[in-house]
Amino acid sequence: MRYIYELLIQLQPMARWNLPPSDQVEFVPINDKTCYGEFEVPNVIKLSRAKIGHLDTAIKTMAHELVHYKRYLAKDEAWDKHDERFSEMAHKVSLVMGFDPKEF
């Protein structure tokens, strides 16, 4: 998880987000069958072993959680929501990374 994070924060658009280095983030594998991942304040990223079986899914899930993380760091009160702002940011990430925006 740490290496995926390090990779993504060096790529656009995440490179412009001033996310902290990986040694300031806690990465926690979980076995939740109901979600792929989650960002937990102040600096915890969780990915589910029960839902993720492929590298591409882990990368997309981490990118998704980075959108939440960026919004939290920007003091966006709706950082945990999948609202219009989330959709805008996710769409930008999807375009650059070649992800299906409907899947992200």
Protein backbone atom coordinates (compact mmCIF):
# COMPACT_ATOMS: atom_id res chain seq x y z
CA MET A 1 0.00 0.00 0.00
CA ARG A 2 2.85 2.37 0.84
CA TYR A 3 4.44 1.89 -2.59
CA ILE A 4 1.15 2.49 -4.39
CA TYR A 5 0.70 5.68 -2.38
CA GLU A 6 4.25 6.82 -3.19
CA LEU A 7 3.68 6.16 -6.88
CA LEU A 8 0.39 8.04 -7.03
CA ILE A 9 1.55 11.15 -5.16
CA GLN A 10 4.26 11.60 -7.79
CA LEU A 11 1.76 11.56 -10.67
CA GLN A 12 -0.62 14.28 -11.82
CA PRO A 13 -2.94 15.53 -10.60
CA MET A 14 -2.00 14.19 -7.14
CA ALA A 15 1.53 15.64 -7.37
CA ARG A 16 -0.02 19.11 -7.07
CA TRP A 17 -2.03 18.22 -3.98
CA ASN A 18 0.83 18.45 -1.47
CA LEU A 19 -0.06 15.16 0.16
CA PRO A 20 2.29 14.11 2.96
CA PRO A 21 5.06 11.58 2.41
CA SER A 22 4.16 7.98 3.11
CA ASP A 23 6.04 7.90 6.41
CA GLN A 24 3.40 10.29 7.77
CA VAL A 25 0.51 8.05 6.71
CA GLU A 26 -0.66 4.86 8.36
CA PHE A 27 -1.60 2.06 5.98
CA VAL A 28 -3.92 -0.59 7.36
CA PRO A 29 -5.02 -3.73 5.53
CA ILE A 30 -8.57 -4.72 6.47
CA ASN A 31 -10.81 -7.66 5.65
CA ASP A 32 -14.02 -5.73 5.09
CA LYS A 33 -16.29 -7.40 2.53
CA THR A 34 -18.48 -4.28 2.22
CA CYS A 35 -15.96 -1.71 0.95
CA TYR A 36 -12.76 -1.53 -1.06
CA GLY A 37 -11.07 1.07 1.10
CA GLU A 38 -11.47 4.09 3.29
CA PHE A 39 -9.66 7.17 4.45
CA GLU A 40 -9.82 7.74 8.18
CA VAL A 41 -8.79 11.02 9.81
CA PRO A 42 -6.25 12.25 10.36
CA ASN A 43 -3.95 10.13 8.18
CA VAL A 44 -5.04 6.49 7.87
CA ILE A 45 -5.70 4.73 4.58
CA LYS A 46 -7.28 1.30 4.66
CA LEU A 47 -7.58 -1.15 1.77
CA SER A 48 -9.63 -4.32 1.98
CA ARG A 49 -8.00 -7.67 1.30
CA ALA A 50 -11.49 -9.17 1.08
CA LYS A 51 -12.48 -6.93 -1.87
CA ILE A 52 -9.19 -6.29 -3.68
CA GLY A 53 -7.58 -9.11 -5.61
CA HIS A 54 -5.73 -7.27 -8.37
CA LEU A 55 -3.10 -4.54 -8.50
CA ASP A 56 -5.20 -2.32 -10.76
CA THR A 57 -8.05 -2.43 -8.22
CA ALA A 58 -5.65 -1.52 -5.41
CA ILE A 59 -4.31 1.43 -7.44
CA LYS A 60 -7.79 2.71 -8.27
CA THR A 61 -8.92 2.31 -4.69
CA MET A 62 -5.89 4.18 -3.36
CA ALA A 63 -6.47 6.98 -5.87
CA HIS A 64 -10.09 7.17 -4.73
CA GLU A 65 -9.02 7.47 -1.10
CA LEU A 66 -6.49 10.16 -2.04
CA VAL A 67 -9.34 12.33 -3.30
CA HIS A 68 -10.92 12.07 0.16
CA TYR A 69 -7.55 12.73 1.81
CA LYS A 70 -6.92 15.83 -0.29
CA ARG A 71 -10.36 17.19 0.54
CA TYR A 72 -9.73 16.57 4.25
CA LEU A 73 -6.36 18.34 4.14
CA ALA A 74 -8.02 21.26 2.35
CA LYS A 75 -10.44 21.52 5.29
CA ASP A 76 -13.38 20.65 3.09
CA GLU A 77 -16.22 19.84 5.49
CA ALA A 78 -17.63 17.33 2.99
CA TRP A 79 -14.32 15.46 2.61
CA ASP A 80 -16.02 12.11 3.19
CA LYS A 81 -18.85 12.64 0.69
CA HIS A 82 -19.19 11.50 -2.91
CA ASP A 83 -20.69 14.81 -3.96
CA GLU A 84 -20.22 17.02 -7.01
CA ARG A 85 -16.79 18.21 -5.86
CA PHE A 86 -15.64 14.62 -5.35
CA SER A 87 -16.95 13.75 -8.82
CA GLU A 88 -15.02 16.65 -10.38
CA MET A 89 -11.76 15.62 -8.72
CA ALA A 90 -12.32 11.94 -9.47
CA HIS A 91 -13.03 12.74 -13.11
CA LYS A 92 -9.72 14.62 -13.42
CA VAL A 93 -7.85 11.72 -11.83
CA SER A 94 -9.63 9.26 -14.11
CA LEU A 95 -8.79 11.19 -17.26
CA VAL A 96 -5.09 11.45 -16.43
CA MET A 97 -4.73 7.91 -15.09
CA GLY A 98 -6.83 6.23 -17.77
CA PHE A 99 -9.46 4.98 -15.33
CA ASP A 100 -13.10 4.54 -16.22
CA PRO A 101 -14.72 7.57 -14.50
CA LYS A 102 -17.90 5.55 -13.92
CA GLU A 103 -15.90 2.94 -12.04
CA PHE A 104 -13.84 5.36 -9.95
